[in-house]
N, C-alpha and C. Protein backbone atom coordinates (compact mmCIF):
# COMPACT_ATOMS: atom_id res chain seq x y z
N MET A 1 46.16 25.90 88.11
CA MET A 1 45.43 26.00 89.37
C MET A 1 44.53 27.25 89.31
N ALA A 2 43.42 27.18 89.98
CA ALA A 2 42.44 28.28 89.99
C ALA A 2 42.99 29.47 90.77
N LYS A 3 42.28 30.57 90.69
CA LYS A 3 42.70 31.79 91.38
C LYS A 3 42.88 31.57 92.87
N ASN A 4 41.96 30.86 93.48
CA ASN A 4 42.07 30.59 94.91
C ASN A 4 41.57 29.18 95.19
N LEU A 5 41.79 28.73 96.41
CA LEU A 5 41.44 27.36 96.75
C LEU A 5 39.94 27.10 96.73
N ASP A 6 39.13 28.12 97.00
CA ASP A 6 37.67 27.94 96.93
C ASP A 6 37.23 27.63 95.50
N ASP A 7 37.77 28.39 94.54
CA ASP A 7 37.44 28.11 93.13
C ASP A 7 37.93 26.73 92.73
N TYR A 8 39.13 26.40 93.17
CA TYR A 8 39.73 25.10 92.84
C TYR A 8 38.88 23.97 93.42
N ARG A 9 38.44 24.13 94.66
CA ARG A 9 37.60 23.11 95.31
C ARG A 9 36.28 22.94 94.56
N CYS A 10 35.66 24.05 94.19
CA CYS A 10 34.38 23.98 93.46
C CYS A 10 34.54 23.26 92.13
N LYS A 11 35.62 23.54 91.42
CA LYS A 11 35.87 22.86 90.15
C LYS A 11 36.12 21.38 90.37
N LEU A 12 36.87 21.04 91.42
CA LEU A 12 37.14 19.64 91.72
C LEU A 12 35.86 18.89 92.05
N ILE A 13 35.00 19.47 92.86
CA ILE A 13 33.74 18.82 93.22
C ILE A 13 32.87 18.62 91.99
N SER A 14 32.84 19.59 91.12
CA SER A 14 32.08 19.46 89.88
C SER A 14 32.62 18.30 89.05
N LYS A 15 33.94 18.20 88.93
CA LYS A 15 34.55 17.10 88.19
C LYS A 15 34.24 15.76 88.85
N ILE A 16 34.31 15.72 90.17
CA ILE A 16 34.02 14.48 90.90
C ILE A 16 32.59 14.02 90.61
N LEU A 17 31.65 14.92 90.72
CA LEU A 17 30.25 14.55 90.52
C LEU A 17 29.95 14.14 89.08
N GLN A 18 30.66 14.72 88.13
CA GLN A 18 30.39 14.42 86.72
C GLN A 18 31.27 13.31 86.16
N ALA A 19 32.16 12.75 86.98
CA ALA A 19 33.07 11.70 86.51
C ALA A 19 32.29 10.47 86.08
N PRO A 20 32.70 9.86 84.96
CA PRO A 20 31.98 8.67 84.48
C PRO A 20 32.26 7.41 85.29
N THR A 21 33.40 7.37 85.99
CA THR A 21 33.75 6.20 86.80
C THR A 21 34.46 6.64 88.08
N SER A 22 34.55 5.73 89.04
CA SER A 22 35.28 6.06 90.27
C SER A 22 36.77 6.17 90.02
N ASP A 23 37.28 5.52 88.96
CA ASP A 23 38.70 5.68 88.60
C ASP A 23 38.99 7.13 88.20
N HIS A 24 38.05 7.74 87.51
CA HIS A 24 38.22 9.14 87.15
C HIS A 24 38.23 10.02 88.40
N VAL A 25 37.39 9.69 89.36
CA VAL A 25 37.36 10.44 90.62
C VAL A 25 38.74 10.38 91.27
N THR A 26 39.32 9.19 91.32
CA THR A 26 40.65 9.01 91.91
C THR A 26 41.68 9.84 91.15
N ARG A 27 41.62 9.83 89.85
CA ARG A 27 42.60 10.61 89.06
C ARG A 27 42.43 12.11 89.30
N PHE A 28 41.20 12.59 89.30
CA PHE A 28 40.97 14.02 89.55
C PHE A 28 41.47 14.41 90.94
N PHE A 29 41.13 13.58 91.92
CA PHE A 29 41.51 13.86 93.30
C PHE A 29 43.04 13.85 93.46
N ASN A 30 43.69 12.83 92.91
CA ASN A 30 45.15 12.74 93.02
C ASN A 30 45.83 13.91 92.32
N ALA A 31 45.30 14.32 91.18
CA ALA A 31 45.86 15.47 90.47
C ALA A 31 45.72 16.74 91.31
N ALA A 32 44.61 16.89 91.99
CA ALA A 32 44.40 18.07 92.84
C ALA A 32 45.40 18.09 94.00
N ILE A 33 45.58 16.95 94.66
CA ILE A 33 46.51 16.88 95.79
C ILE A 33 47.94 17.10 95.30
N LYS A 34 48.28 16.54 94.16
CA LYS A 34 49.61 16.74 93.59
C LYS A 34 49.85 18.22 93.30
N SER A 35 48.84 18.88 92.77
CA SER A 35 48.95 20.31 92.47
C SER A 35 49.15 21.13 93.74
N LEU A 36 48.43 20.77 94.81
CA LEU A 36 48.62 21.47 96.08
C LEU A 36 50.06 21.30 96.58
N LYS A 37 50.58 20.09 96.45
CA LYS A 37 51.97 19.83 96.87
C LYS A 37 52.96 20.62 96.02
N GLU A 38 52.73 20.64 94.70
CA GLU A 38 53.62 21.37 93.79
C GLU A 38 53.62 22.87 94.09
N HIS A 39 52.48 23.37 94.55
CA HIS A 39 52.38 24.79 94.89
C HIS A 39 52.75 25.05 96.35
N LYS A 40 53.26 24.01 97.01
CA LYS A 40 53.74 24.09 98.39
C LYS A 40 52.69 24.66 99.35
N VAL A 41 51.47 24.16 99.21
CA VAL A 41 50.39 24.55 100.11
C VAL A 41 50.62 23.86 101.45
N ASN A 42 50.53 24.62 102.52
CA ASN A 42 50.75 24.12 103.87
C ASN A 42 49.81 22.95 104.17
N GLY A 43 50.30 21.98 104.95
CA GLY A 43 49.53 20.80 105.30
C GLY A 43 48.20 21.11 105.98
N TYR A 44 48.21 22.11 106.87
CA TYR A 44 46.96 22.46 107.56
C TYR A 44 45.97 23.10 106.60
N VAL A 45 46.46 23.85 105.62
CA VAL A 45 45.58 24.43 104.61
C VAL A 45 45.01 23.31 103.73
N THR A 46 45.85 22.34 103.42
CA THR A 46 45.38 21.19 102.64
C THR A 46 44.31 20.43 103.42
N LYS A 47 44.49 20.27 104.72
CA LYS A 47 43.49 19.59 105.54
C LYS A 47 42.17 20.35 105.53
N ARG A 48 42.24 21.68 105.65
CA ARG A 48 41.01 22.49 105.58
C ARG A 48 40.34 22.34 104.21
N PHE A 49 41.16 22.30 103.16
CA PHE A 49 40.67 22.08 101.80
C PHE A 49 39.89 20.76 101.74
N LEU A 50 40.45 19.71 102.32
CA LEU A 50 39.80 18.40 102.34
C LEU A 50 38.53 18.42 103.19
N ASP A 51 38.60 19.10 104.33
CA ASP A 51 37.41 19.22 105.19
C ASP A 51 36.27 19.92 104.45
N LYS A 52 36.62 20.96 103.72
CA LYS A 52 35.59 21.71 102.99
C LYS A 52 35.00 20.88 101.85
N ILE A 53 35.82 20.03 101.24
CA ILE A 53 35.29 19.13 100.22
C ILE A 53 34.22 18.23 100.84
N GLU A 54 34.55 17.66 102.00
CA GLU A 54 33.58 16.79 102.68
C GLU A 54 32.31 17.54 103.05
N LEU A 55 32.47 18.75 103.57
CA LEU A 55 31.29 19.55 103.94
C LEU A 55 30.42 19.86 102.73
N GLU A 56 31.06 20.20 101.63
CA GLU A 56 30.29 20.53 100.44
C GLU A 56 29.59 19.29 99.88
N LEU A 57 30.26 18.15 99.91
CA LEU A 57 29.62 16.92 99.47
C LEU A 57 28.46 16.56 100.38
N ASP A 58 28.60 16.81 101.67
CA ASP A 58 27.52 16.56 102.62
C ASP A 58 26.30 17.45 102.36
N SER A 59 26.56 18.64 101.85
CA SER A 59 25.46 19.59 101.66
C SER A 59 24.57 19.23 100.47
N ILE A 60 25.04 18.32 99.62
CA ILE A 60 24.25 17.89 98.46
C ILE A 60 23.31 16.77 98.89
N GLN A 61 22.04 16.96 98.65
CA GLN A 61 21.04 15.96 99.03
C GLN A 61 21.19 14.72 98.14
N PRO A 62 21.19 13.53 98.74
CA PRO A 62 21.34 12.30 97.94
C PRO A 62 20.28 12.13 96.86
N ASP A 63 19.07 12.63 97.11
CA ASP A 63 18.01 12.48 96.10
C ASP A 63 18.23 13.37 94.88
N GLU A 64 19.22 14.29 94.96
CA GLU A 64 19.57 15.14 93.83
C GLU A 64 20.60 14.47 92.91
N LEU A 65 21.12 13.31 93.35
CA LEU A 65 22.20 12.65 92.63
C LEU A 65 21.73 11.34 92.00
N ASN A 66 22.33 11.02 90.86
CA ASN A 66 22.05 9.71 90.26
C ASN A 66 23.00 8.68 90.90
N SER A 67 22.87 7.44 90.51
CA SER A 67 23.64 6.38 91.18
C SER A 67 25.15 6.55 90.97
N GLN A 68 25.59 6.98 89.78
CA GLN A 68 27.02 7.19 89.54
C GLN A 68 27.54 8.33 90.40
N GLN A 69 26.78 9.39 90.52
CA GLN A 69 27.19 10.53 91.34
C GLN A 69 27.28 10.12 92.81
N LEU A 70 26.37 9.28 93.28
CA LEU A 70 26.45 8.78 94.65
C LEU A 70 27.71 7.95 94.86
N ASN A 71 28.03 7.08 93.88
CA ASN A 71 29.27 6.31 93.96
C ASN A 71 30.49 7.21 93.95
N ASN A 72 30.45 8.25 93.11
CA ASN A 72 31.57 9.19 93.04
C ASN A 72 31.74 9.93 94.37
N ARG A 73 30.62 10.30 94.96
CA ARG A 73 30.68 11.00 96.25
C ARG A 73 31.29 10.10 97.32
N GLU A 74 30.89 8.85 97.36
CA GLU A 74 31.46 7.91 98.34
C GLU A 74 32.95 7.71 98.12
N LYS A 75 33.36 7.62 96.86
CA LYS A 75 34.79 7.48 96.54
C LYS A 75 35.55 8.72 97.00
N ALA A 76 34.98 9.89 96.80
CA ALA A 76 35.63 11.13 97.23
C ALA A 76 35.77 11.16 98.75
N TYR A 77 34.75 10.71 99.48
CA TYR A 77 34.85 10.62 100.95
C TYR A 77 36.02 9.73 101.35
N GLN A 78 36.12 8.59 100.69
CA GLN A 78 37.19 7.64 101.00
C GLN A 78 38.56 8.27 100.72
N LEU A 79 38.69 8.93 99.60
CA LEU A 79 39.96 9.55 99.23
C LEU A 79 40.35 10.68 100.18
N THR A 80 39.37 11.49 100.59
CA THR A 80 39.70 12.57 101.53
C THR A 80 40.13 12.00 102.88
N ALA A 81 39.46 10.96 103.35
CA ALA A 81 39.84 10.33 104.62
C ALA A 81 41.25 9.75 104.54
N ASP A 82 41.54 9.06 103.44
CA ASP A 82 42.87 8.48 103.26
C ASP A 82 43.94 9.56 103.23
N CYS A 83 43.65 10.63 102.53
CA CYS A 83 44.62 11.73 102.41
C CYS A 83 44.86 12.40 103.75
N LYS A 84 43.79 12.62 104.51
CA LYS A 84 43.94 13.24 105.83
C LYS A 84 44.74 12.34 106.76
N ASN A 85 44.54 11.02 106.66
CA ASN A 85 45.32 10.09 107.48
C ASN A 85 46.79 10.11 107.11
N GLN A 86 47.10 10.34 105.85
CA GLN A 86 48.49 10.44 105.43
C GLN A 86 49.11 11.75 105.90
N LEU A 87 48.33 12.83 105.85
CA LEU A 87 48.85 14.13 106.30
C LEU A 87 49.02 14.18 107.81
N PHE A 88 48.04 13.65 108.51
CA PHE A 88 48.02 13.72 109.97
C PHE A 88 47.67 12.36 110.55
N PRO A 89 48.64 11.42 110.52
CA PRO A 89 48.35 10.10 111.06
C PRO A 89 48.06 10.18 112.55
N THR A 90 47.11 9.40 112.97
CA THR A 90 46.78 9.40 114.40
C THR A 90 47.90 8.68 115.14
N ALA A 91 48.22 9.20 116.27
CA ALA A 91 49.27 8.58 117.08
C ALA A 91 48.78 7.26 117.61
N SER A 92 49.62 6.27 117.51
CA SER A 92 49.22 4.97 118.03
C SER A 92 49.35 4.99 119.54
N ILE A 93 48.40 4.41 120.20
CA ILE A 93 48.39 4.39 121.66
C ILE A 93 49.02 3.08 122.10
N PRO A 94 50.08 3.17 122.92
CA PRO A 94 50.72 1.93 123.34
C PRO A 94 49.80 1.13 124.27
N VAL A 95 49.87 -0.16 124.12
CA VAL A 95 49.07 -1.05 124.95
C VAL A 95 49.84 -1.33 126.23
N ILE A 96 49.22 -1.06 127.35
CA ILE A 96 49.85 -1.29 128.63
C ILE A 96 49.33 -2.64 129.17
N ALA A 97 50.26 -3.54 129.39
CA ALA A 97 49.87 -4.89 129.85
C ALA A 97 49.71 -4.94 131.34
């Protein structure tokens, strides 16, 4: 793991953008989340980590990316959303008849 989460996030985003396939993106992302769990990073810190990944991906202009990088970015968005839903599932609202 990197010295701090900012360095780790930057390395992860670089790997995501340079991944040859979306399967690689999934593997890199899952390895990062597994590492955070192994290092017992608090859930709220993990959520901030995921939020910052999304913000950094948003800051990259689409015209700066090739088609594979755009696919990788979309896959990373999907993975961060799925992970956040697992960490903090939304409470289901009961239906009142």
